[in-house]
Amino acid sequence: MARNIPAAPSLKRSVQTIDPKVEIYIVCEGKNTEPTYFESCANYYGNGLVKVKPLPGAGVPLTIVQTAKDLKEKLTDSRNKQKIKNSFDSCFRVWAVFDRDEHPEVERALAIAAESKIDVGFSNPCFEIWPLLHLIEYGSQDGRHAVQKRLSSEMPNYDHERAAIIDFDLIKENFGTALIRANKLQAAREAENCIHGCPSTNIGKLVEKIVQNGKKGTKKL
C-alpha cells in the first residue's frame, strides 16, 4: 500500500522585502565612477529603505543642473497628479553631481541649482578626492590628474584609465572619518571666502542622507 510521505521542508529562507521609503535621483557627470559608488552606498548604508537612481553621463555642469531641474519638475508634477500623501521632501530628492575639473560656467551652474533648490554634490578638483579622504587626510591644491594618481596609489584596484571604479569594500567603514576630513576642508575654504575652492568636496552630505534615511524610525530627508 502506498504511503503518503510528507514533502521535505524547503531549505530556502523566506526573504522579507522592504519597500524603499526614499528615492534619490542623482544626475551625474561620470558614466561609471559616481553611479557605481552611489549604488554601493545605497546597498550598504540604505538597509533597503533608500533607492538610488543615477542618471549617468549627463554632460557638463550647466547641462547636469538643467537636467536635474527638469527632472525635479517632472517628478513633482507626476506625484501631484497621483495625489501621493507624502510630501516632496519625504519621498524623493534630486541631486546634481559634478566636478570643478576644467569645465566652463561652473559658478553659473551652482547659482542656477541654488535658485532652483537643487541639491549639489560638488568636488574641486574632482570626485576622486572624496574616496581619497576615506584613506588619508589630503589638503594639497592639486589638479585632477594628481588626485586620481594619488587615489590609485592608496587604492590599488582603482585605475582611472582602465577601470575608474571605486573599491567600495576598502572604504565603506571609513565614512565618518572621510566626512570629518571633508568638513575640515570646507571650513578652510569658507575661511578663505572661497567655499568652492580647491581642495573641497561636499559629496559626504549626499552619502549622509543615504545613511540617515537608512536608519529605521528617523526623520526622512
Protein backbone atom coordinates (compact mmCIF):
# COMPACT_ATOMS: atom_id res chain seq x y z
CA MET A 1 0.00 0.00 0.00
CA ALA A 2 1.38 3.38 -0.96
CA ARG A 3 2.28 5.61 1.93
CA ASN A 4 1.80 9.37 1.95
CA ILE A 5 5.26 10.77 2.51
CA PRO A 6 5.27 14.40 3.63
CA ALA A 7 7.22 16.76 1.44
CA ALA A 8 10.63 17.69 2.71
CA PRO A 9 10.79 21.13 4.25
CA SER A 10 12.22 23.80 1.99
CA LEU A 11 15.76 24.79 2.74
CA LYS A 12 15.18 28.23 1.28
CA ARG A 13 14.81 31.04 3.78
CA SER A 14 11.90 33.36 3.34
CA VAL A 15 13.28 36.73 2.43
CA GLN A 16 11.41 39.76 3.64
CA THR A 17 11.49 42.51 1.09
CA ILE A 18 11.47 46.13 2.19
CA ASP A 19 10.00 48.81 0.00
CA PRO A 20 12.31 51.82 -0.23
CA LYS A 21 10.98 54.85 1.62
CA VAL A 22 13.20 57.38 -0.11
CA GLU A 23 14.28 57.73 -3.72
CA ILE A 24 17.37 59.78 -4.52
CA TYR A 25 17.84 60.70 -8.16
CA ILE A 26 21.44 61.60 -8.93
CA VAL A 27 22.23 63.34 -12.21
CA CYS A 28 25.92 62.52 -12.67
CA GLU A 29 28.77 63.76 -14.79
CA GLY A 30 30.50 60.37 -14.78
CA LYS A 31 29.26 57.28 -16.58
CA ASN A 32 30.66 54.67 -14.18
CA THR A 33 32.57 56.04 -11.19
CA GLU A 34 29.83 58.02 -9.45
CA PRO A 35 26.82 55.82 -10.33
CA THR A 36 28.54 52.64 -9.17
CA TYR A 37 29.73 54.28 -5.97
CA PHE A 38 26.33 55.71 -5.01
CA GLU A 39 24.56 52.44 -5.76
CA SER A 40 27.05 50.69 -3.45
CA CYS A 41 26.30 53.29 -0.77
CA ALA A 42 22.56 52.65 -1.03
CA ASN A 43 23.07 48.88 -0.89
CA TYR A 44 25.34 49.06 2.17
CA TYR A 45 24.08 52.03 4.17
CA GLY A 46 20.47 52.19 3.00
CA ASN A 47 19.12 48.97 4.58
CA GLY A 48 16.58 48.61 1.79
CA LEU A 49 14.98 51.92 2.74
CA VAL A 50 16.82 54.05 0.20
CA LYS A 51 16.75 53.66 -3.57
CA VAL A 52 19.41 55.46 -5.58
CA LYS A 53 18.61 56.19 -9.22
CA PRO A 54 21.66 57.56 -11.06
CA LEU A 55 21.40 59.32 -14.41
CA PRO A 56 24.98 58.92 -15.67
CA GLY A 57 26.94 60.78 -18.30
CA ALA A 58 24.66 63.84 -18.22
CA GLY A 59 27.26 66.25 -19.62
CA VAL A 60 28.86 69.47 -18.36
CA PRO A 61 27.74 71.14 -15.08
CA LEU A 62 25.25 73.52 -16.70
CA THR A 63 23.58 70.65 -18.55
CA ILE A 64 23.58 68.49 -15.42
CA VAL A 65 21.82 71.17 -13.38
CA GLN A 66 19.25 71.82 -16.12
CA THR A 67 18.57 68.08 -16.39
CA ALA A 68 18.15 67.86 -12.62
CA LYS A 69 15.82 70.87 -12.64
CA ASP A 70 13.66 69.38 -15.40
CA LEU A 71 13.58 66.01 -13.65
CA LYS A 72 12.53 67.54 -10.35
CA GLU A 73 9.66 69.38 -12.03
CA LYS A 74 8.57 66.25 -13.89
CA LEU A 75 8.61 64.07 -10.78
CA THR A 76 6.81 66.68 -8.69
CA ASP A 77 4.05 67.08 -11.30
CA SER A 78 3.70 63.32 -11.62
CA ARG A 79 3.34 62.78 -7.89
CA ASN A 80 0.93 65.66 -7.51
CA LYS A 81 -1.28 64.07 -10.16
CA GLN A 82 -1.15 60.75 -8.33
CA LYS A 83 -2.14 62.54 -5.12
CA ILE A 84 0.53 60.81 -3.08
CA LYS A 85 0.09 61.61 0.59
CA ASN A 86 3.76 62.04 1.46
CA SER A 87 5.36 65.42 0.87
CA PHE A 88 8.07 66.00 -1.73
CA ASP A 89 10.81 66.06 0.91
CA SER A 90 9.82 62.71 2.40
CA CYS A 91 9.55 60.87 -0.93
CA PHE A 92 12.37 61.78 -3.21
CA ARG A 93 15.22 64.16 -3.78
CA VAL A 94 17.11 65.20 -6.90
CA TRP A 95 20.86 65.83 -6.75
CA ALA A 96 23.24 67.20 -9.36
CA VAL A 97 26.77 65.79 -9.00
CA PHE A 98 29.70 67.32 -10.87
CA ASP A 99 33.31 68.48 -10.50
CA ARG A 100 35.24 71.70 -10.94
CA ASP A 101 37.64 69.92 -13.33
CA GLU A 102 38.18 72.27 -16.30
CA HIS A 103 34.51 72.87 -17.01
CA PRO A 104 33.09 76.21 -18.15
CA GLU A 105 30.29 78.07 -16.34
CA VAL A 106 30.59 76.15 -13.09
CA GLU A 107 29.63 79.17 -10.98
CA ARG A 108 26.57 79.76 -13.14
CA ALA A 109 25.55 76.11 -12.75
CA LEU A 110 25.90 76.38 -8.97
CA ALA A 111 23.83 79.58 -8.93
CA ILE A 112 21.01 78.05 -11.00
CA ALA A 113 20.99 74.98 -8.75
CA ALA A 114 20.68 77.15 -5.64
CA GLU A 115 17.90 79.21 -7.21
CA SER A 116 16.04 76.03 -8.24
CA LYS A 117 16.63 74.35 -4.86
CA ILE A 118 18.55 71.51 -6.46
CA ASP A 119 20.98 69.75 -4.13
CA VAL A 120 24.53 69.74 -5.49
CA GLY A 121 27.35 67.31 -4.82
CA PHE A 122 30.40 69.33 -5.88
CA SER A 123 34.08 68.43 -5.77
CA ASN A 124 37.14 70.50 -6.58
CA PRO A 125 39.16 69.41 -8.43
CA CYS A 126 37.38 66.07 -8.96
CA PHE A 127 35.12 63.42 -7.42
CA GLU A 128 38.09 61.20 -6.55
CA ILE A 129 39.05 63.46 -3.67
CA TRP A 130 36.05 62.11 -1.74
CA PRO A 131 37.07 58.41 -1.69
CA LEU A 132 40.68 59.53 -1.12
CA LEU A 133 39.61 61.23 2.12
CA HIS A 134 38.45 57.83 3.37
CA LEU A 135 42.06 56.69 3.25
CA ILE A 136 44.23 59.72 4.02
CA GLU A 137 43.99 63.33 5.12
CA TYR A 138 44.55 65.33 1.95
CA GLY A 139 44.81 69.07 1.54
CA SER A 140 47.03 69.73 -1.46
CA GLN A 141 45.86 72.14 -4.14
CA ASP A 142 46.46 69.66 -6.93
CA GLY A 143 44.74 69.18 -10.25
CA ARG A 144 42.52 66.21 -11.00
CA HIS A 145 45.28 64.08 -12.54
CA ALA A 146 47.37 64.32 -9.38
CA VAL A 147 44.38 63.44 -7.18
CA GLN A 148 43.47 60.47 -9.36
CA LYS A 149 47.07 59.27 -9.32
CA ARG A 150 47.20 59.54 -5.53
CA LEU A 151 43.96 57.60 -5.24
CA SER A 152 45.45 54.86 -7.41
CA SER A 153 48.42 54.60 -5.04
CA GLU A 154 46.15 54.32 -1.99
CA MET A 155 43.52 52.14 -3.71
CA PRO A 156 45.32 49.54 -5.86
CA ASN A 157 42.12 48.34 -7.56
CA TYR A 158 41.37 51.83 -8.88
CA ASP A 159 42.75 52.73 -12.30
CA HIS A 160 41.28 55.88 -13.81
CA GLU A 161 42.35 54.98 -17.34
CA ARG A 162 41.22 51.34 -17.32
CA ALA A 163 38.58 50.93 -14.63
CA ALA A 164 37.61 54.08 -12.77
CA ILE A 165 35.53 52.18 -10.22
CA ILE A 166 35.84 52.97 -6.52
CA ASP A 167 36.82 49.98 -4.34
CA PHE A 168 33.85 50.41 -2.04
CA ASP A 169 34.72 47.47 0.21
CA LEU A 170 38.03 49.13 1.02
CA ILE A 171 36.47 52.37 2.26
CA LYS A 172 32.93 51.55 3.38
CA GLU A 173 33.76 51.55 7.11
CA ASN A 174 35.58 54.90 6.92
CA PHE A 175 32.65 57.15 6.04
CA GLY A 176 32.71 59.00 9.37
CA THR A 177 36.41 59.76 9.07
CA ALA A 178 36.02 60.95 5.47
CA LEU A 179 33.13 63.23 6.44
CA ILE A 180 35.19 64.85 9.21
CA ARG A 181 38.07 65.44 6.81
CA ALA A 182 35.78 66.84 4.11
CA ASN A 183 34.14 69.19 6.61
CA LYS A 184 37.59 70.45 7.66
CA LEU A 185 38.42 71.23 4.03
CA GLN A 186 35.08 73.00 3.62
CA ALA A 187 35.67 75.07 6.76
CA ALA A 188 39.09 76.09 5.46
CA ARG A 189 37.65 77.20 2.13
CA GLU A 190 34.91 79.18 3.87
CA ALA A 191 37.56 80.92 6.00
CA GLU A 192 39.25 81.90 2.74
CA ASN A 193 35.90 83.20 1.42
CA CYS A 194 36.10 80.65 -1.40
CA ILE A 195 33.59 77.95 -0.49
CA HIS A 196 34.03 76.02 -3.75
CA GLY A 197 37.80 76.35 -3.81
CA CYS A 198 40.40 73.62 -4.14
CA PRO A 199 40.57 71.21 -2.44
CA SER A 200 36.99 70.66 -1.31
CA THR A 201 34.06 68.29 -1.66
CA ASN A 202 30.58 68.03 -0.18
CA ILE A 203 29.77 64.57 -1.54
CA GLY A 204 29.64 63.49 2.10
CA LYS A 205 26.36 65.37 2.51
CA LEU A 206 24.72 63.17 -0.11
CA VAL A 207 26.11 59.98 1.42
CA GLU A 208 24.99 61.22 4.84
CA LYS A 209 21.41 61.45 3.52
CA ILE A 210 21.63 57.81 2.45
CA VAL A 211 22.97 56.82 5.88
CA GLN A 212 20.34 58.83 7.78
CA ASN A 213 17.42 57.56 5.73
CA GLY A 214 18.68 54.01 6.04
CA LYS A 215 18.03 54.14 9.77
CA LYS A 216 14.57 52.98 10.76
CA GLY A 217 12.45 55.43 12.69
CA THR A 218 14.46 58.51 11.73
CA LYS A 219 13.11 61.61 10.05
CA LYS A 220 13.42 61.22 6.29
CA LEU A 221 15.47 63.62 4.18
